[in-house]
Structures are given as C-alpha cells and as structure tokens.
C-alpha cells in the first residue's frame, strides 16, 4: 500500500463522536498522521456506541478510529493542555468538535495556538458554526438535519419526517471539514499562513439541498415529503416483483422511457400524450408507476434484471450488508476490505474513497486501543522522556 497523498501531514484530532472524527478518518485514510487525543478514563464515546458488542467491543470504533493513533491526555488539567500545545506546535492541522468557546476557555483557541504555529489549519465542526446567535447551542446531527431542510422532505407524505438511518449530518460536516482542510493547506502553500475552517452541521446539510431554497424564492413552492419518488421525475421508483423483492428502475429520459416501453411490450406508451415527454410523465407520475408496477409484479427479479440491464436502463436491487459482501462489483473494486484486528481477527469495512490512481488511500489499521500510542507519540513528537511519560501516567494526566 502506498503512503497516500497526505503522507507527511500531521493532524491532531481533539473531537469525539462522529462529526469531527469523520474528518480525521478521511484525512487518515489518505496518509495523514492522525493523532487522536482522548480522555484517559473513557476515551471517545464511540468506543462504547452500537447496538451490539461482539466480544465486548463496539463494531463502530474500528471504522471511525481507523488509521489513527490514540494518545490519552486529560485536557482539563494544566499539564494535559501543555501537552496538547506541544503536539499542536508540531502539527499541520487540528480537528475539533467541542462546543464553541471550549478551546478558548482552555487557552487552546486558534489565535493563541497560531502564535507559535502560524501555519496551523484548524477545522472546527459544530452544530451552528463559530458565529451567530446559535453558536453556543448544543448542535447534534438531528438538529442540523432538521434546520438544513433534510428532515422535512424525508419520509412518507402522510407521516412525520423520518431520519436517514445514519447520522448523515455528522458525516456531511466531516466531509466538508476535510475538504476545507485541503483548501486551507493549498492556500498555505501560497501564503505560509494557516486559517480556521468553520464547519456547521446545518450548513453542511443545506449545501446538498439542491434547488430547495431557490425554487421557493422564485415560485413560493415548498418541497414536501414524497416517499420513494422525486415529484415530477418519472419513472424513477422501486417496483414489486413476483419473487417478492423490490427492483429499482430509472427511465426518466425520453430515450430510456421508450426502451422500457418496448421491454414491457407497450411501445405505444412512449407516444401517449400522458407520457411522451418529461413534463407529461411528471404530471401523470402515479398512474405511470402503477402501470410499471403491474408489469414488474408478473416478473421474477432474476429474469427481469438482465433484461433491464441489456436495454441500458438504470436498475438494481436494494442492498443490505449481505448483498454488498456478495456482489462481484464490490469484490472487483475492493469496495469493502478485510482488516486485521487484535480481538475480532479479520473485520470487514468500507474502503477509502475516492480512488486516486497514483496515490490511493487505504485502511492501514483499525481503531486502536485506548492510549495505544501515548508513549510513542509523546516521546517522538513532544520530545518527552519515557520516564516523564510514566510519571504523567501515574498522575492520571495521560
């Protein structure tokens, strides 16, 4: 495995849970040395999170903690904060997702740290950003997803708004923070100066909301929940089959719709005024979906899929983890990799994305044990003696 394009970049991760640490995961996947500072007693709560605990451990931690080095430091002590300052002085990037004002209270605000490390890039991830009347509020993903507009349009129209099933607001903010870090590092090449990357969860959700705000501004239309379809985009839905599985079919362009009509044995539908163009199909979406569903319900999915694929239509099954692991496309591209773990043995997880042809990322090791790298990092990076580290451990500082 190559070192990755970020080899030589040192990141101090001071966050916990998902939003900040997902940024660290992305940077670590592509070769950055990510040194994660954790409380000596409990570490990141993600070490305990999850529905199940195989062998007493969270299956969440091997993924969110991968490619990181765990250093235990009590940031609530003067000695712990001094250690953090020493490590940050030798770093390129700091990632944190504490409530705004926490680092300043500890004497670890950006202005203070930049005095000794003017090239420092600090990625700050929070619910509402570092400014504005809501900045100091607790901001979890569920609130950011609601304020950013995602919750209102997710789910069935006759039910309360649904969630995506994952903490998508956290992950989006982590991705935005990682993107901001790369922009800031690029700018540093020209200026020699670092800067703050201020990432709000609600804005990270807002940025992927397509034309939701603009359409309202221009027309007064408020997008609502529409279940499995996008209003006006037809056909593009899930349909039942004889075998009981659902099949996804996307044929919302005129040429694709004509191919679907031919496959259904109803070429006349492509010229029907109700369906002949994009606008007409959108107006008659429910009726059209009912016609297609009546056809697919008489088909076995294993017979239907090859026909749809041969016709060049976007189609597929709805996957769960078992289908992902068995799929030849996932296998050919190593979309899921098996990583050695000291307790689980081999553990499977998603690979590093996106793919770079010359300097790809990868998973070098799973989430480490708490404090696994404390002595190595403090002696190598902070210049401490092994005796000093042992003394600090005895005091509960590290």
Protein backbone atom coordinates (compact mmCIF):
# COMPACT_ATOMS: atom_id res chain seq x y z
CA UNK A 1 0.00 0.00 0.00
CA UNK A 2 1.28 3.48 -0.86
CA UNK A 3 1.68 6.11 1.84
CA UNK A 4 -1.12 8.21 0.41
CA UNK A 5 -1.15 11.80 -0.86
CA UNK A 6 -1.27 13.27 2.66
CA UNK A 7 1.83 11.49 3.92
CA UNK A 8 3.81 14.00 5.98
CA UNK A 9 0.73 15.92 7.13
CA UNK A 10 0.26 15.71 10.90
CA UNK A 11 -3.25 16.07 12.31
CA UNK A 12 -4.20 16.44 15.98
CA UNK A 13 -7.77 15.26 16.44
CA UNK A 14 -9.44 16.60 19.57
CA UNK A 15 -13.04 15.77 18.75
CA UNK A 16 -15.32 12.90 19.65
CA UNK A 17 -18.36 11.03 18.34
CA UNK A 18 -18.76 11.37 14.54
CA UNK A 19 -18.67 14.89 13.06
CA UNK A 20 -15.07 15.86 13.88
CA UNK A 21 -13.64 12.33 13.90
CA UNK A 22 -15.11 11.60 10.46
CA UNK A 23 -12.95 14.43 9.15
CA UNK A 24 -9.96 12.78 10.84
CA UNK A 25 -10.92 9.44 9.33
CA UNK A 26 -10.93 10.87 5.80
CA UNK A 27 -7.56 12.58 6.30
CA UNK A 28 -6.09 9.43 7.85
CA UNK A 29 -7.38 7.26 5.02
CA UNK A 30 -5.20 9.24 2.64
CA UNK A 31 -1.99 9.06 4.61
CA UNK A 32 -2.08 11.86 7.19
CA UNK A 33 -0.66 11.02 10.61
CA UNK A 34 -3.76 11.48 12.75
CA UNK A 35 -3.02 11.70 16.47
CA UNK A 36 -6.24 11.41 18.41
CA UNK A 37 -6.29 12.92 21.90
CA UNK A 38 -8.65 11.03 24.21
CA UNK A 39 -9.68 11.22 27.83
CA UNK A 40 -7.55 8.73 29.83
CA UNK A 41 -10.58 7.28 31.61
CA UNK A 42 -13.17 6.64 28.93
CA UNK A 43 -11.79 7.70 25.56
CA UNK A 44 -14.08 8.62 22.69
CA UNK A 45 -17.70 7.55 23.41
CA UNK A 46 -17.68 5.81 20.01
CA UNK A 47 -15.67 3.07 21.69
CA UNK A 48 -18.88 2.11 23.51
CA UNK A 49 -21.56 3.01 20.96
CA UNK A 50 -23.52 0.49 18.94
CA UNK A 51 -26.49 -1.85 19.09
CA UNK A 52 -24.30 -4.90 19.64
CA UNK A 53 -20.98 -5.54 21.36
CA UNK A 54 -19.28 -8.58 19.79
CA UNK A 55 -16.55 -9.75 22.18
CA UNK A 56 -17.45 -6.80 24.40
CA UNK A 57 -16.30 -4.19 21.86
CA UNK A 58 -18.16 -1.69 19.69
CA UNK A 59 -18.14 -2.54 15.95
CA UNK A 60 -18.34 1.21 15.31
CA UNK A 61 -14.90 2.06 16.68
CA UNK A 62 -12.76 0.02 14.21
CA UNK A 63 -14.13 2.20 11.38
CA UNK A 64 -14.28 5.74 12.83
CA UNK A 65 -10.96 5.22 14.65
CA UNK A 66 -9.08 3.61 11.78
CA UNK A 67 -5.66 4.88 10.70
CA UNK A 68 -5.43 6.99 13.88
CA UNK A 69 -3.01 6.95 16.80
CA UNK A 70 -4.59 7.07 20.25
CA UNK A 71 -2.92 9.31 22.84
CA UNK A 72 -4.57 9.74 26.22
CA UNK A 73 -4.44 13.29 27.61
CA UNK A 74 -6.63 14.94 30.23
CA UNK A 75 -7.31 18.32 28.66
CA UNK A 76 -8.97 19.52 31.86
CA UNK A 77 -5.59 19.70 33.57
CA UNK A 78 -2.85 22.28 33.08
CA UNK A 79 -0.36 19.52 32.29
CA UNK A 80 -2.69 17.97 29.74
CA UNK A 81 -3.26 21.25 27.96
CA UNK A 82 0.50 21.89 27.91
CA UNK A 83 0.97 18.53 26.20
CA UNK A 84 -1.70 19.42 23.65
CA UNK A 85 0.05 22.73 22.92
CA UNK A 86 3.38 20.93 22.37
CA UNK A 87 1.80 18.47 19.96
CA UNK A 88 -0.10 21.17 18.09
CA UNK A 89 3.08 23.23 17.73
CA UNK A 90 4.47 20.38 15.63
CA UNK A 91 1.26 19.76 13.66
CA UNK A 92 -0.25 20.97 10.41
CA UNK A 93 -3.92 20.52 11.29
CA UNK A 94 -6.14 20.45 14.36
CA UNK A 95 -9.63 18.93 14.13
CA UNK A 96 -12.08 19.64 16.96
CA UNK A 97 -15.83 19.50 17.50
CA UNK A 98 -16.29 20.81 21.03
CA UNK A 99 -18.97 23.37 21.73
CA UNK A 100 -17.70 26.78 20.52
CA UNK A 101 -15.76 28.55 23.25
CA UNK A 102 -14.43 25.38 24.91
CA UNK A 103 -10.95 25.58 23.37
CA UNK A 104 -10.73 29.29 24.19
CA UNK A 105 -11.62 28.51 27.81
CA UNK A 106 -8.74 26.03 27.89
CA UNK A 107 -6.29 28.51 26.35
CA UNK A 108 -6.24 26.49 23.12
CA UNK A 109 -8.07 28.90 20.82
CA UNK A 110 -6.76 29.41 17.30
CA UNK A 111 -5.30 32.86 17.89
CA UNK A 112 -3.29 31.54 20.83
CA UNK A 113 -2.04 28.44 19.01
CA UNK A 114 -1.18 30.36 15.83
CA UNK A 115 1.33 32.50 17.77
CA UNK A 116 3.70 29.52 17.90
CA UNK A 117 2.42 27.78 14.75
CA UNK A 118 1.28 30.41 12.21
CA UNK A 119 0.80 27.78 9.50
CA UNK A 120 -1.74 25.84 11.59
CA UNK A 121 -5.05 24.89 9.98
CA UNK A 122 -7.85 24.33 12.49
CA UNK A 123 -11.02 22.54 11.41
CA UNK A 124 -13.82 23.43 13.81
CA UNK A 125 -17.00 21.37 13.46
CA UNK A 126 -20.12 22.35 15.42
CA UNK A 127 -23.88 22.36 15.10
CA UNK A 128 -24.25 26.01 14.15
CA UNK A 129 -20.76 27.30 13.43
CA UNK A 130 -18.49 29.55 15.46
CA UNK A 131 -20.59 32.71 14.99
CA UNK A 132 -24.21 33.78 15.13
CA UNK A 133 -26.85 33.72 17.88
CA UNK A 134 -27.00 29.89 17.97
CA UNK A 135 -23.25 29.26 18.11
CA UNK A 136 -23.15 28.20 21.76
CA UNK A 137 -26.13 25.84 21.49
CA UNK A 138 -25.67 22.08 21.61
CA UNK A 139 -25.84 21.03 17.98
CA UNK A 140 -26.26 17.35 17.18
CA UNK A 141 -26.87 15.97 13.70
CA UNK A 142 -30.61 15.53 14.20
CA UNK A 143 -30.99 19.29 14.71
CA UNK A 144 -28.69 20.19 11.83
CA UNK A 145 -30.56 17.82 9.52
CA UNK A 146 -33.85 19.44 10.51
CA UNK A 147 -32.63 23.04 10.17
CA UNK A 148 -30.78 22.28 6.94
CA UNK A 149 -34.04 21.09 5.36
CA UNK A 150 -33.37 17.35 5.05
CA UNK A 151 -35.75 16.05 7.72
CA UNK A 152 -38.80 17.84 6.33
CA UNK A 153 -38.52 16.17 2.92
CA UNK A 154 -37.54 12.69 4.16
CA UNK A 155 -40.21 10.00 4.59
CA UNK A 156 -43.77 9.36 3.50
CA UNK A 157 -46.11 12.33 2.97
CA UNK A 158 -48.72 11.09 5.45
CA UNK A 159 -46.25 10.57 8.31
CA UNK A 160 -43.89 12.59 10.47
CA UNK A 161 -40.48 13.43 8.96
CA UNK A 162 -38.11 10.46 9.02
CA UNK A 163 -34.38 10.21 9.52
CA UNK A 164 -31.97 8.72 7.02
CA UNK A 165 -30.99 5.78 9.23
CA UNK A 166 -27.44 7.09 9.65
CA UNK A 167 -26.06 10.31 11.14
CA UNK A 168 -25.79 11.86 7.71
CA UNK A 169 -25.47 15.41 9.08
CA UNK A 170 -22.38 14.42 11.04
CA UNK A 171 -20.78 12.67 8.08
CA UNK A 172 -21.53 15.55 5.71
CA UNK A 173 -19.97 18.03 8.13
CA UNK A 174 -16.92 15.79 8.49
CA UNK A 175 -16.54 15.63 4.72
CA UNK A 176 -16.96 19.40 4.44
CA UNK A 177 -14.34 19.90 7.13
CA UNK A 178 -11.89 17.59 5.33
CA UNK A 179 -12.49 19.46 2.07
CA UNK A 180 -11.93 22.76 3.87
CA UNK A 181 -8.69 21.45 5.37
CA UNK A 182 -7.37 20.58 1.93
CA UNK A 183 -8.30 24.04 0.60
CA UNK A 184 -6.61 25.70 3.57
CA UNK A 185 -3.45 23.62 3.18
CA UNK A 186 -3.35 24.53 -0.51
CA UNK A 187 -3.71 28.23 0.36
CA UNK A 188 -0.90 27.86 2.88
CA UNK A 189 1.49 26.96 0.07
CA UNK A 190 0.99 30.47 -1.31
CA UNK A 191 0.71 32.49 1.91
CA UNK A 192 2.55 30.47 4.54
CA UNK A 193 -0.37 31.12 6.86
CA UNK A 194 -2.95 28.75 8.25
CA UNK A 195 -6.59 29.56 8.95
CA UNK A 196 -9.77 28.30 10.59
CA UNK A 197 -12.15 26.01 8.72
CA UNK A 198 -15.54 26.78 10.31
CA UNK A 199 -17.95 23.92 9.54
CA UNK A 200 -21.55 23.94 10.75
CA UNK A 201 -23.65 20.78 10.60
CA UNK A 202 -26.78 22.63 9.46
CA UNK A 203 -24.86 24.33 6.63
CA UNK A 204 -23.28 21.03 5.59
CA UNK A 205 -26.80 19.66 5.13
CA UNK A 206 -28.02 22.85 3.48
CA UNK A 207 -25.28 22.68 0.84
CA UNK A 208 -26.67 19.40 -0.61
CA UNK A 209 -30.31 20.56 -0.69
CA UNK A 210 -30.17 21.25 -4.43
CA UNK A 211 -32.63 23.97 -5.53
CA UNK A 212 -34.90 23.79 -2.46
CA UNK A 213 -34.32 27.40 -1.35
CA UNK A 214 -34.08 28.89 -4.84
CA UNK A 215 -37.31 27.26 -6.02
CA UNK A 216 -39.16 28.64 -3.01
CA UNK A 217 -37.64 32.08 -3.54
CA UNK A 218 -38.70 32.20 -7.19
CA UNK A 219 -42.05 30.37 -7.08
CA UNK A 220 -43.18 30.03 -3.46
CA UNK A 221 -43.13 26.21 -3.78
CA UNK A 222 -42.19 24.33 -0.60
CA UNK A 223 -40.83 20.87 -1.25
CA UNK A 224 -42.59 18.20 0.81
CA UNK A 225 -42.06 14.54 1.65
CA UNK A 226 -42.67 12.29 -1.33
CA UNK A 227 -41.62 8.84 -0.14
CA UNK A 228 -39.68 6.78 -2.67
CA UNK A 229 -40.04 9.20 -5.59
CA UNK A 230 -38.92 12.65 -6.58
CA UNK A 231 -42.03 14.57 -7.65
CA UNK A 232 -42.07 15.18 -11.37
CA UNK A 233 -39.24 12.72 -12.12
CA UNK A 234 -40.77 9.63 -13.73
CA UNK A 235 -40.37 6.78 -13.98
CA UNK A 236 -37.84 6.52 -11.19
CA UNK A 237 -39.03 4.32 -8.36
CA UNK A 238 -38.95 0.94 -6.66
CA UNK A 239 -41.34 -1.65 -8.03
CA UNK A 240 -42.57 -5.06 -6.76
CA UNK A 241 -41.65 -8.34 -8.43
CA UNK A 242 -43.10 -11.83 -8.43
CA UNK A 243 -40.23 -13.08 -6.27
CA UNK A 244 -41.08 -10.58 -3.51
CA UNK A 245 -38.01 -8.39 -3.95
CA UNK A 246 -38.15 -4.77 -4.99
CA UNK A 247 -36.46 -3.63 -8.17
CA UNK A 248 -35.21 -0.11 -8.82
CA UNK A 249 -35.86 1.29 -12.29
CA UNK A 250 -34.79 4.69 -13.57
CA UNK A 251 -36.04 5.60 -17.06
CA UNK A 252 -36.92 9.25 -16.78
CA UNK A 253 -35.33 10.37 -20.06
CA UNK A 254 -37.32 10.10 -23.27
CA UNK A 255 -34.99 7.59 -24.96
CA UNK A 256 -34.79 5.43 -21.84
CA UNK A 257 -38.54 5.51 -21.36
CA UNK A 258 -39.04 4.31 -24.93
CA UNK A 259 -36.74 1.34 -24.23
CA UNK A 260 -38.72 0.50 -21.13
CA UNK A 261 -41.98 0.67 -23.06
CA UNK A 262 -40.58 -1.70 -25.72
CA UNK A 263 -39.45 -4.09 -22.98
CA UNK A 264 -42.91 -4.00 -21.42
CA UNK A 265 -44.47 -4.84 -24.79
CA UNK A 266 -46.19 -1.45 -24.80
CA UNK A 267 -44.29 0.68 -27.35
CA UNK A 268 -47.45 2.77 -27.74
CA UNK A 269 -46.96 4.28 -24.27
CA UNK A 270 -43.90 6.20 -25.47
CA UNK A 271 -46.17 8.19 -27.83
CA UNK A 272 -49.09 8.50 -25.42
CA UNK A 273 -49.70 12.23 -24.69
CA UNK A 274 -49.74 11.41 -20.97
CA UNK A 275 -46.16 10.07 -21.06
CA UNK A 276 -44.48 11.29 -24.25
CA UNK A 277 -42.15 13.79 -22.55
CA UNK A 278 -40.59 14.59 -19.20
CA UNK A 279 -43.23 17.10 -18.13
CA UNK A 280 -46.15 14.85 -19.05
CA UNK A 281 -44.69 11.87 -17.22
CA UNK A 282 -44.18 14.06 -14.16
CA UNK A 283 -47.81 15.15 -14.14
CA UNK A 284 -49.02 11.56 -14.52
CA UNK A 285 -46.36 10.01 -12.31
CA UNK A 286 -48.64 7.95 -10.04
CA UNK A 287 -50.59 6.47 -12.94
CA UNK A 288 -47.40 5.60 -14.82
CA UNK A 289 -45.82 3.98 -11.76
CA UNK A 290 -48.95 1.85 -11.33
CA UNK A 291 -48.64 0.60 -14.92
CA UNK A 292 -44.98 -0.30 -14.47
CA UNK A 293 -45.64 -1.97 -11.11
CA UNK A 294 -48.35 -4.16 -12.66
CA UNK A 295 -45.79 -5.34 -15.23
CA UNK A 296 -42.89 -5.95 -12.81
CA UNK A 297 -45.17 -7.82 -10.42
CA UNK A 298 -45.51 -10.51 -13.07
CA UNK A 299 -41.71 -10.85 -13.41
CA UNK A 300 -39.15 -12.77 -11.38
CA UNK A 301 -36.38 -10.35 -10.37
CA UNK A 302 -33.59 -12.69 -11.52
CA UNK A 303 -35.12 -12.75 -15.02
CA UNK A 304 -36.09 -9.09 -15.05
CA UNK A 305 -32.77 -7.54 -14.09
CA UNK A 306 -30.78 -8.89 -17.09
CA UNK A 307 -33.50 -7.64 -19.45
CA UNK A 308 -33.42 -4.16 -17.95
CA UNK A 309 -29.62 -4.07 -17.99
CA UNK A 310 -29.48 -5.22 -21.63
CA UNK A 311 -31.86 -2.40 -22.50
CA UNK A 312 -29.41 0.05 -20.92
CA UNK A 313 -31.75 1.06 -18.11
CA UNK A 314 -30.62 2.05 -14.63
CA UNK A 315 -31.72 -0.80 -12.43
CA UNK A 316 -30.78 -2.84 -9.43
CA UNK A 317 -31.71 -4.39 -6.12
CA UNK A 318 -31.85 -2.65 -2.76
CA UNK A 319 -28.75 -3.82 -0.93
CA UNK A 320 -28.09 -4.64 2.69
CA UNK A 321 -24.70 -5.65 4.08
CA UNK A 322 -25.01 -9.31 2.93
CA UNK A 323 -25.66 -8.27 -0.68
CA UNK A 324 -22.75 -5.85 -0.61
CA UNK A 325 -20.35 -8.53 0.58
CA UNK A 326 -21.50 -10.99 -2.09
CA UNK A 327 -21.61 -8.60 -5.05
CA UNK A 328 -18.89 -9.09 -7.71
CA UNK A 329 -18.64 -5.34 -8.38
CA UNK A 330 -17.82 -4.67 -4.72
CA UNK A 331 -15.32 -7.54 -4.81
CA UNK A 332 -13.62 -6.49 -8.06
CA UNK A 333 -13.03 -2.94 -6.82
CA UNK A 334 -12.34 -3.95 -3.21
CA UNK A 335 -15.04 -1.56 -2.08
CA UNK A 336 -15.07 -3.50 1.18
CA UNK A 337 -11.77 -4.59 2.70
CA UNK A 338 -10.84 -7.03 5.43
CA UNK A 339 -8.59 -5.54 8.09
CA UNK A 340 -6.74 -7.50 10.81
CA UNK A 341 -7.98 -6.67 14.32
CA UNK A 342 -6.34 -7.81 17.58
CA UNK A 343 -9.65 -9.04 19.05
CA UNK A 344 -12.02 -9.63 16.13
CA UNK A 345 -9.46 -11.25 13.86
CA UNK A 346 -10.39 -10.06 10.36
CA UNK A 347 -13.00 -7.30 10.32
CA UNK A 348 -14.70 -6.03 7.17
CA UNK A 349 -15.35 -2.34 6.50
CA UNK A 350 -15.71 0.10 3.61
CA UNK A 351 -12.51 1.05 1.83
CA UNK A 352 -11.09 4.57 1.46
CA UNK A 353 -12.84 6.73 -1.15
CA UNK A 354 -12.50 8.43 -3.59
CA UNK A 355 -9.95 6.44 -5.56
CA UNK A 356 -6.72 8.07 -6.68
CA UNK A 357 -4.83 6.26 -9.44
CA UNK A 358 -1.28 7.12 -8.30
CA UNK A 359 -1.59 7.84 -4.56
CA UNK A 360 -4.63 5.94 -3.32
CA UNK A 361 -5.82 5.89 0.25
CA UNK A 362 -6.39 2.76 2.28
CA UNK A 363 -7.06 1.25 5.66
CA UNK A 364 -3.73 0.59 7.38
CA UNK A 365 -5.12 -0.45 10.77
CA UNK A 366 -8.47 -0.40 12.60
CA UNK A 367 -9.35 1.85 15.54
CA UNK A 368 -6.55 1.49 18.13
CA UNK A 369 -6.87 0.57 21.78
CA UNK A 370 -7.20 3.49 24.17
CA UNK A 371 -3.82 5.13 24.68
CA UNK A 372 -2.05 2.64 22.44
CA UNK A 373 0.31 5.28 21.01
CA UNK A 374 0.69 7.59 24.02
CA UNK A 375 4.34 6.83 24.79
CA UNK A 376 5.42 6.64 21.14
CA UNK A 377 3.85 10.00 20.21
CA UNK A 378 4.84 11.90 23.35
CA UNK A 379 8.46 10.83 23.09
CA UNK A 380 8.77 11.28 19.31
CA UNK A 381 6.63 14.37 18.72
CA UNK A 382 6.57 16.18 22.08
CA UNK A 383 10.17 15.26 22.95
CA UNK A 384 9.38 13.77 26.37
CA UNK A 385 11.47 11.12 28.05
CA UNK A 386 9.96 7.73 28.75
CA UNK A 387 10.36 8.47 32.46
CA UNK A 388 8.32 11.67 32.15
CA UNK A 389 5.57 9.85 30.30
CA UNK A 390 5.48 7.19 33.01
CA UNK A 391 5.24 9.93 35.65
CA UNK A 392 2.32 11.57 33.86
CA UNK A 393 0.58 8.21 33.54
CA UNK A 394 0.92 7.66 37.26
CA UNK A 395 -0.66 11.07 37.86
CA UNK A 396 -3.58 10.27 35.52
CA UNK A 397 -2.69 13.10 33.13
CA UNK A 398 -2.09 10.72 30.22
